Amino acid sequence: MPEEPSLHHVVFAVAPERHAAAAQMFSDLGFVFEPLQLTELGLDIHLDWTRGIELISPIPGSTGEVAVSVTEFLERHGDGVFTVVIGVPEAAGSDAVAERYGATRRFRQHLEGEGTYLDENDVSILGLPLTFLATNIP
């Protein structure tokens, strides 16, 4: 958990048919991805937390809350920055700031187990796509 807020990583939404090419392009630049499929969210993901980048694509046909949100984003905007993830010391403080600025929540999750936790609040504040992340996962 960071003691101060910091830029954690950038999340790019990419259409499923371009996901592999986008992952390869970033790999050619030196990013090292961990590929994941989170069926409960309806997402295919390539994640490099160390270097600060994540590629997400909806699993075709998925009705998961996040998959629907990403699909709608892609339909409106095409491939692009879906959110910028800000590492925060604790979730409650960032939630208070988000509320004060009239945030619209897009997604929220809390995961905990085996000594680790992750609190993620994906919002739109002042038109900016932001995700506040409090975690002790390195």
C-alpha atoms as a PDB file:
ATOM      1  CA  MET A   1       0.000   0.000   0.000  1.00  0.00           C
ATOM      2  CA  PRO A   2       1.506   3.359  -0.954  1.00  0.00           C
ATOM      3  CA  GLU A   3       1.870   5.920   1.815  1.00  0.00           C
ATOM      4  CA  GLU A   4       1.068   8.654  -0.705  1.00  0.00           C
ATOM      5  CA  PRO A   5      -1.078   8.630  -3.835  1.00  0.00           C
ATOM      6  CA  SER A   6       0.759   7.706  -7.015  1.00  0.00           C
ATOM      7  CA  LEU A   7       0.139   6.767 -10.619  1.00  0.00           C
ATOM      8  CA  HIS A   8      -0.225   2.970 -10.573  1.00  0.00           C
ATOM      9  CA  HIS A   9      -0.988   2.018 -14.180  1.00  0.00           C
ATOM     10  CA  VAL A  10      -2.952   2.922 -17.299  1.00  0.00           C
ATOM     11  CA  VAL A  11      -5.723   0.670 -18.611  1.00  0.00           C
ATOM     12  CA  PHE A  12      -6.353   0.542 -22.361  1.00  0.00           C
ATOM     13  CA  ALA A  13      -9.607  -0.912 -23.691  1.00  0.00           C
ATOM     14  CA  VAL A  14      -8.981  -2.760 -26.949  1.00  0.00           C
ATOM     15  CA  ALA A  15     -11.483  -4.490 -29.228  1.00  0.00           C
ATOM     16  CA  PRO A  16     -11.158  -8.281 -28.946  1.00  0.00           C
ATOM     17  CA  GLU A  17     -10.062  -8.639 -32.567  1.00  0.00           C
ATOM     18  CA  ARG A  18      -7.105  -6.286 -31.951  1.00  0.00           C
ATOM     19  CA  HIS A  19      -6.149  -7.462 -28.453  1.00  0.00           C
ATOM     20  CA  ALA A  20      -3.399  -9.886 -29.530  1.00  0.00           C
ATOM     21  CA  ALA A  21      -1.825  -7.329 -31.879  1.00  0.00           C
ATOM     22  CA  ALA A  22      -1.883  -4.625 -29.181  1.00  0.00           C
ATOM     23  CA  ALA A  23      -0.306  -6.998 -26.647  1.00  0.00           C
ATOM     24  CA  GLN A  24       2.392  -7.931 -29.160  1.00  0.00           C
ATOM     25  CA  MET A  25       3.133  -4.279 -29.966  1.00  0.00           C
ATOM     26  CA  PHE A  26       3.609  -3.406 -26.287  1.00  0.00           C
ATOM     27  CA  SER A  27       5.650  -6.604 -25.786  1.00  0.00           C
ATOM     28  CA  ASP A  28       7.902  -5.515 -28.660  1.00  0.00           C
ATOM     29  CA  LEU A  29       8.437  -2.273 -26.715  1.00  0.00           C
ATOM     30  CA  GLY A  30       9.620  -4.270 -23.694  1.00  0.00           C
ATOM     31  CA  PHE A  31       6.479  -4.737 -21.601  1.00  0.00           C
ATOM     32  CA  VAL A  32       6.121  -8.172 -19.986  1.00  0.00           C
ATOM     33  CA  PHE A  33       2.505  -9.226 -19.688  1.00  0.00           C
ATOM     34  CA  GLU A  34       0.721 -11.738 -17.538  1.00  0.00           C
ATOM     35  CA  PRO A  35      -2.286 -12.905 -19.579  1.00  0.00           C
ATOM     36  CA  LEU A  36      -5.456 -13.407 -17.544  1.00  0.00           C
ATOM     37  CA  GLN A  37      -9.047 -14.261 -18.302  1.00  0.00           C
ATOM     38  CA  LEU A  38     -11.432 -13.089 -15.585  1.00  0.00           C
ATOM     39  CA  THR A  39     -14.680 -14.750 -16.619  1.00  0.00           C
ATOM     40  CA  GLU A  40     -16.557 -13.326 -13.612  1.00  0.00           C
ATOM     41  CA  LEU A  41     -15.840  -9.840 -15.012  1.00  0.00           C
ATOM     42  CA  GLY A  42     -16.062 -10.941 -18.637  1.00  0.00           C
ATOM     43  CA  LEU A  43     -12.568  -9.717 -19.529  1.00  0.00           C
ATOM     44  CA  ASP A  44      -9.447 -10.860 -21.320  1.00  0.00           C
ATOM     45  CA  ILE A  45      -6.501  -9.029 -19.763  1.00  0.00           C
ATOM     46  CA  HIS A  46      -2.795  -8.543 -20.380  1.00  0.00           C
ATOM     47  CA  LEU A  47      -1.266  -6.961 -17.277  1.00  0.00           C
ATOM     48  CA  ASP A  48       2.200  -5.581 -16.534  1.00  0.00           C
ATOM     49  CA  TRP A  49       1.869  -3.938 -13.091  1.00  0.00           C
ATOM     50  CA  THR A  50       5.629  -3.522 -12.816  1.00  0.00           C
ATOM     51  CA  ARG A  51       5.760  -1.254 -15.860  1.00  0.00           C
ATOM     52  CA  GLY A  52       2.286   0.235 -15.430  1.00  0.00           C
ATOM     53  CA  ILE A  53       0.097  -0.977 -18.284  1.00  0.00           C
ATOM     54  CA  GLU A  54      -3.007  -3.134 -18.659  1.00  0.00           C
ATOM     55  CA  LEU A  55      -4.895  -4.135 -21.800  1.00  0.00           C
ATOM     56  CA  ILE A  56      -8.524  -5.221 -21.422  1.00  0.00           C
ATOM     57  CA  SER A  57     -11.031  -6.613 -23.900  1.00  0.00           C
ATOM     58  CA  PRO A  58     -14.527  -7.923 -23.284  1.00  0.00           C
ATOM     59  CA  ILE A  59     -14.938 -11.659 -23.751  1.00  0.00           C
ATOM     60  CA  PRO A  60     -17.313 -11.860 -26.740  1.00  0.00           C
ATOM     61  CA  GLY A  61     -20.869 -12.513 -25.580  1.00  0.00           C
ATOM     62  CA  SER A  62     -20.110 -11.822 -21.912  1.00  0.00           C
ATOM     63  CA  THR A  63     -22.813 -10.126 -19.869  1.00  0.00           C
ATOM     64  CA  GLY A  64     -20.498  -9.387 -16.925  1.00  0.00           C
ATOM     65  CA  GLU A  65     -20.838  -5.861 -15.525  1.00  0.00           C
ATOM     66  CA  VAL A  66     -17.329  -4.800 -16.496  1.00  0.00           C
ATOM     67  CA  ALA A  67     -17.495  -6.471 -19.923  1.00  0.00           C
ATOM     68  CA  VAL A  68     -20.669  -4.525 -20.703  1.00  0.00           C
ATOM     69  CA  SER A  69     -19.017  -1.272 -19.590  1.00  0.00           C
ATOM     70  CA  VAL A  70     -15.928  -1.943 -21.736  1.00  0.00           C
ATOM     71  CA  THR A  71     -18.079  -2.930 -24.732  1.00  0.00           C
ATOM     72  CA  GLU A  72     -20.059   0.323 -24.425  1.00  0.00           C
ATOM     73  CA  PHE A  73     -16.793   2.289 -24.157  1.00  0.00           C
ATOM     74  CA  LEU A  74     -15.423   0.643 -27.309  1.00  0.00           C
ATOM     75  CA  GLU A  75     -18.665   1.317 -29.200  1.00  0.00           C
ATOM     76  CA  ARG A  76     -18.587   5.017 -28.234  1.00  0.00           C
ATOM     77  CA  HIS A  77     -14.859   5.754 -28.409  1.00  0.00           C
ATOM     78  CA  GLY A  78     -13.028   2.888 -30.092  1.00  0.00           C
ATOM     79  CA  ASP A  79      -9.770   1.610 -28.604  1.00  0.00           C
ATOM     80  CA  GLY A  80      -8.256   3.956 -26.045  1.00  0.00           C
ATOM     81  CA  VAL A  81      -7.551   4.859 -22.439  1.00  0.00           C
ATOM     82  CA  PHE A  82     -10.305   3.268 -20.358  1.00  0.00           C
ATOM     83  CA  THR A  83      -9.025   4.477 -16.998  1.00  0.00           C
ATOM     84  CA  VAL A  84      -5.965   5.736 -15.175  1.00  0.00           C
ATOM     85  CA  VAL A  85      -5.338   3.829 -11.950  1.00  0.00           C
ATOM     86  CA  ILE A  86      -4.223   5.886  -8.959  1.00  0.00           C
ATOM     87  CA  GLY A  87      -2.682   4.013  -6.043  1.00  0.00           C
ATOM     88  CA  VAL A  88      -4.085   5.354  -2.767  1.00  0.00           C
ATOM     89  CA  PRO A  89      -3.218   4.601   0.877  1.00  0.00           C
ATOM     90  CA  GLU A  90      -6.775   3.545   1.749  1.00  0.00           C
ATOM     91  CA  ALA A  91     -10.104   3.294  -0.025  1.00  0.00           C
ATOM     92  CA  ALA A  92     -12.293   5.346   2.333  1.00  0.00           C
ATOM     93  CA  GLY A  93     -10.314   8.560   1.820  1.00  0.00           C
ATOM     94  CA  SER A  94     -10.490   8.350  -1.965  1.00  0.00           C
ATOM     95  CA  ASP A  95     -14.202   7.515  -1.781  1.00  0.00           C
ATOM     96  CA  ALA A  96     -14.811  10.720   0.205  1.00  0.00           C
ATOM     97  CA  VAL A  97     -12.966  12.803  -2.402  1.00  0.00           C
ATOM     98  CA  ALA A  98     -14.860  11.096  -5.226  1.00  0.00           C
ATOM     99  CA  GLU A  99     -18.204  11.853  -3.562  1.00  0.00           C
ATOM    100  CA  ARG A 100     -17.233  15.469  -2.926  1.00  0.00           C
ATOM    101  CA  TYR A 101     -16.591  15.954  -6.654  1.00  0.00           C
ATOM    102  CA  GLY A 102     -19.778  14.218  -7.786  1.00  0.00           C
ATOM    103  CA  ALA A 103     -18.222  11.010  -9.089  1.00  0.00           C
ATOM    104  CA  THR A 104     -20.205   8.528 -11.110  1.00  0.00           C
ATOM    105  CA  ARG A 105     -19.257   4.970 -10.151  1.00  0.00           C
ATOM    106  CA  ARG A 106     -18.591   2.567 -13.016  1.00  0.00           C
ATOM    107  CA  PHE A 107     -17.311  -0.438 -11.060  1.00  0.00           C
ATOM    108  CA  ARG A 108     -16.229  -1.417  -7.573  1.00  0.00           C
ATOM    109  CA  GLN A 109     -14.600  -4.532  -6.191  1.00  0.00           C
ATOM    110  CA  HIS A 110     -13.044  -5.766  -2.965  1.00  0.00           C
ATOM    111  CA  LEU A 111     -10.894  -8.889  -2.865  1.00  0.00           C
ATOM    112  CA  GLU A 112      -9.240 -10.310   0.221  1.00  0.00           C
ATOM    113  CA  GLY A 113      -7.453 -13.522   1.148  1.00  0.00           C
ATOM    114  CA  GLU A 114      -4.153 -15.148   2.073  1.00  0.00           C
ATOM    115  CA  GLY A 115      -2.850 -11.922   3.615  1.00  0.00           C
ATOM    116  CA  THR A 116      -3.581  -9.719   0.602  1.00  0.00           C
ATOM    117  CA  TYR A 117      -6.351  -7.279  -0.216  1.00  0.00           C
ATOM    118  CA  LEU A 118      -7.443  -5.130  -3.131  1.00  0.00           C
ATOM    119  CA  ASP A 119     -10.025  -2.321  -3.061  1.00  0.00           C
ATOM    120  CA  GLU A 120     -10.803  -0.846  -6.461  1.00  0.00           C
ATOM    121  CA  ASN A 121     -13.238   1.982  -7.194  1.00  0.00           C
ATOM    122  CA  ASP A 122     -13.595   2.870 -10.889  1.00  0.00           C
ATOM    123  CA  VAL A 123     -15.250   6.274 -11.312  1.00  0.00           C
ATOM    124  CA  SER A 124     -15.722   9.223 -13.604  1.00  0.00           C
ATOM    125  CA  ILE A 125     -14.853  12.507 -11.875  1.00  0.00           C
ATOM    126  CA  LEU A 126     -15.061  15.811 -13.731  1.00  0.00           C
ATOM    127  CA  GLY A 127     -15.150  13.762 -16.941  1.00  0.00           C
ATOM    128  CA  LEU A 128     -11.893  11.961 -16.076  1.00  0.00           C
ATOM    129  CA  PRO A 129     -11.839   8.135 -16.046  1.00  0.00           C
ATOM    130  CA  LEU A 130     -10.069   7.232 -12.794  1.00  0.00           C
ATOM    131  CA  THR A 131      -9.701   4.121 -10.693  1.00  0.00           C
ATOM    132  CA  PHE A 132      -8.650   4.395  -7.060  1.00  0.00           C
ATOM    133  CA  LEU A 133      -6.706   1.313  -5.990  1.00  0.00           C
ATOM    134  CA  ALA A 134      -5.778   0.433  -2.414  1.00  0.00           C
ATOM    135  CA  THR A 135      -3.853  -2.834  -2.208  1.00  0.00           C
ATOM    136  CA  ASN A 136      -0.954  -4.578  -0.550  1.00  0.00           C
ATOM    137  CA  ILE A 137      -0.307  -6.705  -3.653  1.00  0.00           C
ATOM    138  CA  PRO A 138       3.139  -5.765  -4.970  1.00  0.00           C
END
